[in-house]
Every structure is written in structure tokens, then in C-alpha cells.
Amino acid sequence: LEVLQKASAPGATYNSAQRYPALRCLEGTRDALFAKLDSWMGASTEQTAYWLNGRPGSGTSAISQTVVEKY
């Protein structure tokens, strides 16, 4: 674990004070995407990762933060 700790970025964790205020999606936005993610999270599937990608500034960090806080 020490090796991993040295290679990590503690300021990037979802609850880091360095990220305050954290980016979040506004209430009522991206509802279709969150419905899809809810379905995937509740499904019994072999897919163990959900790839979220987008151009810089498209909201992927805000979506990720919102998902982490929800689950």
C-alpha cells in the first residue's frame, strides 16, 4: 500500500479539501445519463467498468463527482 500511496494524488480524491467546492451536476440535468447509469449499477452483468469520456469542459468530472456521491 505504501507504493500505491506514493504514486497517488491525494488531492484528487472525491472528498479532498483541495477540490472544494467540488464540481457537481445541477439538479435535473443529465437525467437520461443518470438513468442509464442507475440501470447499469443495478444490473447483474459482467461489465465491471463504465467508460465515461468527453471533450474538456463537457462535464465528465461533474458527472463522475455526482455519481461518486450518489453511490
PDB file of N, CA and C in Angstrom:
ATOM      1  N   LEU A   1       0.808  -1.196   0.000  1.00  0.00           N
ATOM      2  CA  LEU A   1       0.000   0.000   0.000  1.00  0.00           C
ATOM      3  C   LEU A   1       0.855   1.266   0.000  1.00  0.00           C
ATOM      4  N   GLU A   2       2.016   1.194   0.593  1.00  0.00           N
ATOM      5  CA  GLU A   2       2.894   2.372   0.606  1.00  0.00           C
ATOM      6  C   GLU A   2       3.292   2.787  -0.806  1.00  0.00           C
ATOM      7  N   VAL A   3       3.575   1.806  -1.656  1.00  0.00           N
ATOM      8  CA  VAL A   3       3.945   2.101  -3.035  1.00  0.00           C
ATOM      9  C   VAL A   3       2.792   2.804  -3.746  1.00  0.00           C
ATOM     10  N   LEU A   4       1.580   2.310  -3.539  1.00  0.00           N
ATOM     11  CA  LEU A   4       0.415   2.941  -4.149  1.00  0.00           C
ATOM     12  C   LEU A   4       0.197   4.350  -3.601  1.00  0.00           C
ATOM     13  N   GLN A   5       0.398   4.514  -2.312  1.00  0.00           N
ATOM     14  CA  GLN A   5       0.228   5.831  -1.685  1.00  0.00           C
ATOM     15  C   GLN A   5       1.182   6.857  -2.294  1.00  0.00           C
ATOM     16  N   LYS A   6       2.409   6.447  -2.528  1.00  0.00           N
ATOM     17  CA  LYS A   6       3.398   7.359  -3.107  1.00  0.00           C
ATOM     18  C   LYS A   6       3.053   7.747  -4.539  1.00  0.00           C
ATOM     19  N   ALA A   7       2.378   6.859  -5.260  1.00  0.00           N
ATOM     20  CA  ALA A   7       2.046   7.120  -6.658  1.00  0.00           C
ATOM     21  C   ALA A   7       0.671   7.758  -6.830  1.00  0.00           C
ATOM     22  N   SER A   8      -0.037   7.981  -5.730  1.00  0.00           N
ATOM     23  CA  SER A   8      -1.395   8.512  -5.834  1.00  0.00           C
ATOM     24  C   SER A   8      -1.405  10.038  -5.776  1.00  0.00           C
ATOM     25  N   ALA A   9      -2.563  10.591  -6.046  1.00  0.00           N
ATOM     26  CA  ALA A   9      -2.768  12.039  -5.976  1.00  0.00           C
ATOM     27  C   ALA A   9      -3.854  12.306  -4.936  1.00  0.00           C
ATOM     28  N   PRO A  10      -3.482  12.412  -3.652  1.00  0.00           N
ATOM     29  CA  PRO A  10      -4.478  12.565  -2.590  1.00  0.00           C
ATOM     30  C   PRO A  10      -5.417  13.759  -2.788  1.00  0.00           C
ATOM     31  N   GLY A  11      -4.947  14.795  -3.445  1.00  0.00           N
ATOM     32  CA  GLY A  11      -5.793  15.961  -3.676  1.00  0.00           C
ATOM     33  C   GLY A  11      -6.881  15.727  -4.699  1.00  0.00           C
ATOM     34  N   ALA A  12      -6.831  14.578  -5.380  1.00  0.00           N
ATOM     35  CA  ALA A  12      -7.826  14.282  -6.411  1.00  0.00           C
ATOM     36  C   ALA A  12      -8.938  13.371  -5.915  1.00  0.00           C
ATOM     37  N   THR A  13      -8.895  12.944  -4.663  1.00  0.00           N
ATOM     38  CA  THR A  13      -9.940  12.072  -4.153  1.00  0.00           C
ATOM     39  C   THR A  13     -11.273  12.809  -4.102  1.00  0.00           C
ATOM     40  N   TYR A  14     -12.352  12.050  -4.118  1.00  0.00           N
ATOM     41  CA  TYR A  14     -13.673  12.662  -4.224  1.00  0.00           C
ATOM     42  C   TYR A  14     -14.005  13.581  -3.049  1.00  0.00           C
ATOM     43  N   ASN A  15     -13.411  13.369  -1.902  1.00  0.00           N
ATOM     44  CA  ASN A  15     -13.731  14.188  -0.735  1.00  0.00           C
ATOM     45  C   ASN A  15     -12.558  15.060  -0.275  1.00  0.00           C
ATOM     46  N   SER A  16     -11.626  15.321  -1.160  1.00  0.00           N
ATOM     47  CA  SER A  16     -10.458  16.115  -0.802  1.00  0.00           C
ATOM     48  C   SER A  16     -10.823  17.589  -0.606  1.00  0.00           C
ATOM     49  N   ALA A  17     -10.271  18.198   0.416  1.00  0.00           N
ATOM     50  CA  ALA A  17     -10.485  19.626   0.652  1.00  0.00           C
ATOM     51  C   ALA A  17      -9.873  20.466  -0.460  1.00  0.00           C
ATOM     52  N   GLN A  18      -8.893  19.910  -1.158  1.00  0.00           N
ATOM     53  CA  GLN A  18      -8.256  20.630  -2.262  1.00  0.00           C
ATOM     54  C   GLN A  18      -9.195  20.800  -3.457  1.00  0.00           C
ATOM     55  N   ARG A  19     -10.267  20.039  -3.502  1.00  0.00           N
ATOM     56  CA  ARG A  19     -11.216  20.122  -4.615  1.00  0.00           C
ATOM     57  C   ARG A  19     -12.467  20.914  -4.229  1.00  0.00           C
ATOM     58  N   TYR A  20     -12.439  21.609  -3.120  1.00  0.00           N
ATOM     59  CA  TYR A  20     -13.619  22.340  -2.668  1.00  0.00           C
ATOM     60  C   TYR A  20     -13.736  23.668  -3.391  1.00  0.00           C
ATOM     61  N   PRO A  21     -14.888  24.068  -3.860  1.00  0.00           N
ATOM     62  CA  PRO A  21     -16.089  23.233  -3.939  1.00  0.00           C
ATOM     63  C   PRO A  21     -15.987  22.280  -5.124  1.00  0.00           C
ATOM     64  N   ALA A  22     -16.395  21.051  -4.892  1.00  0.00           N
ATOM     65  CA  ALA A  22     -16.319  20.034  -5.944  1.00  0.00           C
ATOM     66  C   ALA A  22     -17.359  20.306  -7.023  1.00  0.00           C
ATOM     67  N   LEU A  23     -17.007  19.944  -8.244  1.00  0.00           N
ATOM     68  CA  LEU A  23     -17.945  20.080  -9.355  1.00  0.00           C
ATOM     69  C   LEU A  23     -19.091  19.103  -9.171  1.00  0.00           C
ATOM     70  N   ARG A  24     -20.285  19.533  -9.457  1.00  0.00           N
ATOM     71  CA  ARG A  24     -21.460  18.664  -9.398  1.00  0.00           C
ATOM     72  C   ARG A  24     -22.404  19.038 -10.522  1.00  0.00           C
ATOM     73  N   CYS A  25     -23.218  18.083 -10.925  1.00  0.00           N
ATOM     74  CA  CYS A  25     -24.246  18.367 -11.924  1.00  0.00           C
ATOM     75  C   CYS A  25     -25.397  19.091 -11.230  1.00  0.00           C
ATOM     76  N   LEU A  26     -25.976  20.033 -11.912  1.00  0.00           N
ATOM     77  CA  LEU A  26     -27.138  20.721 -11.374  1.00  0.00           C
ATOM     78  C   LEU A  26     -28.325  19.769 -11.339  1.00  0.00           C
ATOM     79  N   GLU A  27     -29.169  19.930 -10.340  1.00  0.00           N
ATOM     80  CA  GLU A  27     -30.358  19.093 -10.190  1.00  0.00           C
ATOM     81  C   GLU A  27     -31.195  19.151 -11.469  1.00  0.00           C
ATOM     82  N   GLY A  28     -31.595  17.987 -11.952  1.00  0.00           N
ATOM     83  CA  GLY A  28     -32.439  17.918 -13.135  1.00  0.00           C
ATOM     84  C   GLY A  28     -31.692  17.895 -14.457  1.00  0.00           C
ATOM     85  N   THR A  29     -30.370  17.998 -14.409  1.00  0.00           N
ATOM     86  CA  THR A  29     -29.602  17.933 -15.645  1.00  0.00           C
ATOM     87  C   THR A  29     -29.044  16.521 -15.815  1.00  0.00           C
ATOM     88  N   ARG A  30     -28.849  16.139 -17.027  1.00  0.00           N
ATOM     89  CA  ARG A  30     -28.274  14.827 -17.381  1.00  0.00           C
ATOM     90  C   ARG A  30     -29.088  13.655 -16.837  1.00  0.00           C
ATOM     91  N   ASP A  31     -30.401  13.842 -16.740  1.00  0.00           N
ATOM     92  CA  ASP A  31     -31.268  12.794 -16.192  1.00  0.00           C
ATOM     93  C   ASP A  31     -31.201  11.502 -16.993  1.00  0.00           C
ATOM     94  N   ALA A  32     -31.134  11.596 -18.324  1.00  0.00           N
ATOM     95  CA  ALA A  32     -31.081  10.388 -19.162  1.00  0.00           C
ATOM     96  C   ALA A  32     -29.801   9.600 -18.889  1.00  0.00           C
ATOM     97  N   LEU A  33     -28.696  10.302 -18.747  1.00  0.00           N
ATOM     98  CA  LEU A  33     -27.428   9.628 -18.464  1.00  0.00           C
ATOM     99  C   LEU A  33     -27.472   8.962 -17.092  1.00  0.00           C
ATOM    100  N   PHE A  34     -28.012   9.666 -16.089  1.00  0.00           N
ATOM    101  CA  PHE A  34     -28.075   9.072 -14.748  1.00  0.00           C
ATOM    102  C   PHE A  34     -29.028   7.886 -14.702  1.00  0.00           C
ATOM    103  N   ALA A  35     -30.094   7.909 -15.493  1.00  0.00           N
ATOM    104  CA  ALA A  35     -30.994   6.753 -15.573  1.00  0.00           C
ATOM    105  C   ALA A  35     -30.247   5.554 -16.149  1.00  0.00           C
ATOM    106  N   LYS A  36     -29.436   5.806 -17.171  1.00  0.00           N
ATOM    107  CA  LYS A  36     -28.642   4.732 -17.774  1.00  0.00           C
ATOM    108  C   LYS A  36     -27.621   4.187 -16.770  1.00  0.00           C
ATOM    109  N   LEU A  37     -26.974   5.068 -16.032  1.00  0.00           N
ATOM    110  CA  LEU A  37     -26.004   4.640 -15.022  1.00  0.00           C
ATOM    111  C   LEU A  37     -26.693   3.871 -13.893  1.00  0.00           C
ATOM    112  N   ASP A  38     -27.861   4.324 -13.457  1.00  0.00           N
ATOM    113  CA  ASP A  38     -28.610   3.609 -12.414  1.00  0.00           C
ATOM    114  C   ASP A  38     -28.943   2.200 -12.859  1.00  0.00           C
ATOM    115  N   SER A  39     -29.359   2.066 -14.110  1.00  0.00           N
ATOM    116  CA  SER A  39     -29.692   0.760 -14.657  1.00  0.00           C
ATOM    117  C   SER A  39     -28.452  -0.133 -14.689  1.00  0.00           C
ATOM    118  N   TRP A  40     -27.333   0.431 -15.132  1.00  0.00           N
ATOM    119  CA  TRP A  40     -26.087  -0.343 -15.200  1.00  0.00           C
ATOM    120  C   TRP A  40     -25.620  -0.752 -13.814  1.00  0.00           C
ATOM    121  N   MET A  41     -25.722   0.158 -12.843  1.00  0.00           N
ATOM    122  CA  MET A  41     -25.268  -0.146 -11.479  1.00  0.00           C
ATOM    123  C   MET A  41     -26.101  -1.257 -10.842  1.00  0.00           C
ATOM    124  N   GLY A  42     -27.378  -1.308 -11.177  1.00  0.00           N
ATOM    125  CA  GLY A  42     -28.257  -2.312 -10.588  1.00  0.00           C
ATOM    126  C   GLY A  42     -28.297  -3.624 -11.347  1.00  0.00           C
ATOM    127  N   ALA A  43     -27.696  -3.667 -12.523  1.00  0.00           N
ATOM    128  CA  ALA A  43     -27.756  -4.867 -13.361  1.00  0.00           C
ATOM    129  C   ALA A  43     -26.745  -5.908 -12.915  1.00  0.00           C
ATOM    130  N   SER A  44     -27.124  -7.135 -13.094  1.00  0.00           N
ATOM    131  CA  SER A  44     -26.202  -8.246 -12.866  1.00  0.00           C
ATOM    132  C   SER A  44     -25.510  -8.515 -14.199  1.00  0.00           C
ATOM    133  N   THR A  45     -24.323  -7.998 -14.333  1.00  0.00           N
ATOM    134  CA  THR A  45     -23.624  -8.093 -15.618  1.00  0.00           C
ATOM    135  C   THR A  45     -22.140  -8.330 -15.393  1.00  0.00           C
ATOM    136  N   GLU A  46     -21.479  -8.785 -16.424  1.00  0.00           N
ATOM    137  CA  GLU A  46     -20.042  -8.991 -16.344  1.00  0.00           C
ATOM    138  C   GLU A  46     -19.279  -7.705 -16.632  1.00  0.00           C
ATOM    139  N   GLN A  47     -19.980  -6.684 -17.101  1.00  0.00           N
ATOM    140  CA  GLN A  47     -19.316  -5.409 -17.381  1.00  0.00           C
ATOM    141  C   GLN A  47     -18.966  -4.751 -16.047  1.00  0.00           C
ATOM    142  N   THR A  48     -17.675  -4.648 -15.769  1.00  0.00           N
ATOM    143  CA  THR A  48     -17.237  -4.151 -14.464  1.00  0.00           C
ATOM    144  C   THR A  48     -16.827  -2.686 -14.481  1.00  0.00           C
ATOM    145  N   ALA A  49     -16.811  -2.084 -15.645  1.00  0.00           N
ATOM    146  CA  ALA A  49     -16.412  -0.673 -15.741  1.00  0.00           C
ATOM    147  C   ALA A  49     -17.344   0.045 -16.705  1.00  0.00           C
ATOM    148  N   TYR A  50     -17.556   1.296 -16.433  1.00  0.00           N
ATOM    149  CA  TYR A  50     -18.368   2.144 -17.309  1.00  0.00           C
ATOM    150  C   TYR A  50     -17.468   3.258 -17.794  1.00  0.00           C
ATOM    151  N   TRP A  51     -17.231   3.303 -19.085  1.00  0.00           N
ATOM    152  CA  TRP A  51     -16.307   4.277 -19.658  1.00  0.00           C
ATOM    153  C   TRP A  51     -17.043   5.576 -19.924  1.00  0.00           C
ATOM    154  N   LEU A  52     -16.620   6.624 -19.260  1.00  0.00           N
ATOM    155  CA  LEU A  52     -17.203   7.950 -19.435  1.00  0.00           C
ATOM    156  C   LEU A  52     -16.123   8.825 -20.059  1.00  0.00           C
ATOM    157  N   ASN A  53     -16.390   9.330 -21.241  1.00  0.00           N
ATOM    158  CA  ASN A  53     -15.395  10.186 -21.878  1.00  0.00           C
ATOM    159  C   ASN A  53     -16.086  11.387 -22.509  1.00  0.00           C
ATOM    160  N   GLY A  54     -15.319  12.399 -22.737  1.00  0.00           N
ATOM    161  CA  GLY A  54     -15.845  13.602 -23.359  1.00  0.00           C
ATOM    162  C   GLY A  54     -14.743  14.631 -23.517  1.00  0.00           C
ATOM    163  N   ARG A  55     -15.030  15.636 -24.279  1.00  0.00           N
ATOM    164  CA  ARG A  55     -14.056  16.701 -24.509  1.00  0.00           C
ATOM    165  C   ARG A  55     -13.861  17.509 -23.227  1.00  0.00           C
ATOM    166  N   PRO A  56     -12.726  18.177 -23.104  1.00  0.00           N
ATOM    167  CA  PRO A  56     -12.506  19.032 -21.936  1.00  0.00           C
ATOM    168  C   PRO A  56     -13.637  20.058 -21.806  1.00  0.00           C
ATOM    169  N   GLY A  57     -14.146  20.166 -20.596  1.00  0.00           N
ATOM    170  CA  GLY A  57     -15.218  21.119 -20.340  1.00  0.00           C
ATOM    171  C   GLY A  57     -16.608  20.584 -20.611  1.00  0.00           C
ATOM    172  N   SER A  58     -16.708  19.305 -20.985  1.00  0.00           N
ATOM    173  CA  SER A  58     -18.029  18.751 -21.306  1.00  0.00           C
ATOM    174  C   SER A  58     -18.784  18.243 -20.087  1.00  0.00           C
ATOM    175  N   GLY A  59     -18.140  18.215 -18.930  1.00  0.00           N
ATOM    176  CA  GLY A  59     -18.834  17.838 -17.697  1.00  0.00           C
ATOM    177  C   GLY A  59     -18.527  16.459 -17.163  1.00  0.00           C
ATOM    178  N   THR A  60     -17.519  15.783 -17.699  1.00  0.00           N
ATOM    179  CA  THR A  60     -17.231  14.435 -17.221  1.00  0.00           C
ATOM    180  C   THR A  60     -16.805  14.429 -15.744  1.00  0.00           C
ATOM    181  N   SER A  61     -16.080  15.428 -15.310  1.00  0.00           N
ATOM    182  CA  SER A  61     -15.681  15.483 -13.894  1.00  0.00           C
ATOM    183  C   SER A  61     -16.889  15.714 -13.006  1.00  0.00           C
ATOM    184  N   ALA A  62     -17.797  16.578 -13.419  1.00  0.00           N
ATOM    185  CA  ALA A  62     -19.010  16.841 -12.638  1.00  0.00           C
ATOM    186  C   ALA A  62     -19.889  15.593 -12.582  1.00  0.00           C
ATOM    187  N   ILE A  63     -19.992  14.880 -13.696  1.00  0.00           N
ATOM    188  CA  ILE A  63     -20.774  13.648 -13.719  1.00  0.00           C
ATOM    189  C   ILE A  63     -20.148  12.620 -12.778  1.00  0.00           C
ATOM    190  N   SER A  64     -18.841  12.453 -12.857  1.00  0.00           N
ATOM    191  CA  SER A  64     -18.138  11.498 -12.000  1.00  0.00           C
ATOM    192  C   SER A  64     -18.328  11.827 -10.531  1.00  0.00           C
ATOM    193  N   GLN A  65     -18.187  13.091 -10.173  1.00  0.00           N
ATOM    194  CA  GLN A  65     -18.353  13.510  -8.773  1.00  0.00           C
ATOM    195  C   GLN A  65     -19.781  13.233  -8.302  1.00  0.00           C
ATOM    196  N   THR A  66     -20.757  13.517  -9.132  1.00  0.00           N
ATOM    197  CA  THR A  66     -22.155  13.285  -8.776  1.00  0.00           C
ATOM    198  C   THR A  66     -22.423  11.805  -8.571  1.00  0.00           C
ATOM    199  N   VAL A  67     -21.874  10.963  -9.433  1.00  0.00           N
ATOM    200  CA  VAL A  67     -22.053   9.517  -9.306  1.00  0.00           C
ATOM    201  C   VAL A  67     -21.393   9.012  -8.029  1.00  0.00           C
ATOM    202  N   VAL A  68     -20.185   9.455  -7.746  1.00  0.00           N
ATOM    203  CA  VAL A  68     -19.475   9.006  -6.534  1.00  0.00           C
ATOM    204  C   VAL A  68     -20.259   9.385  -5.289  1.00  0.00           C
ATOM    205  N   GLU A  69     -20.816  10.577  -5.249  1.00  0.00           N
ATOM    206  CA  GLU A  69     -21.579  11.000  -4.083  1.00  0.00           C
ATOM    207  C   GLU A  69     -22.876  10.195  -3.942  1.00  0.00           C
ATOM    208  N   LYS A  70     -23.469   9.821  -5.054  1.00  0.00           N
ATOM    209  CA  LYS A  70     -24.724   9.082  -5.018  1.00  0.00           C
ATOM    210  C   LYS A  70     -24.530   7.641  -4.543  1.00  0.00           C
ATOM    211  N   TYR A  71     -23.458   7.001  -5.025  1.00  0.00           N
ATOM    212  CA  TYR A  71     -23.254   5.605  -4.698  1.00  0.00           C
ATOM    213  C   TYR A  71     -22.196   5.408  -3.639  1.00  0.00           C
TER     214      TYR A  71
END
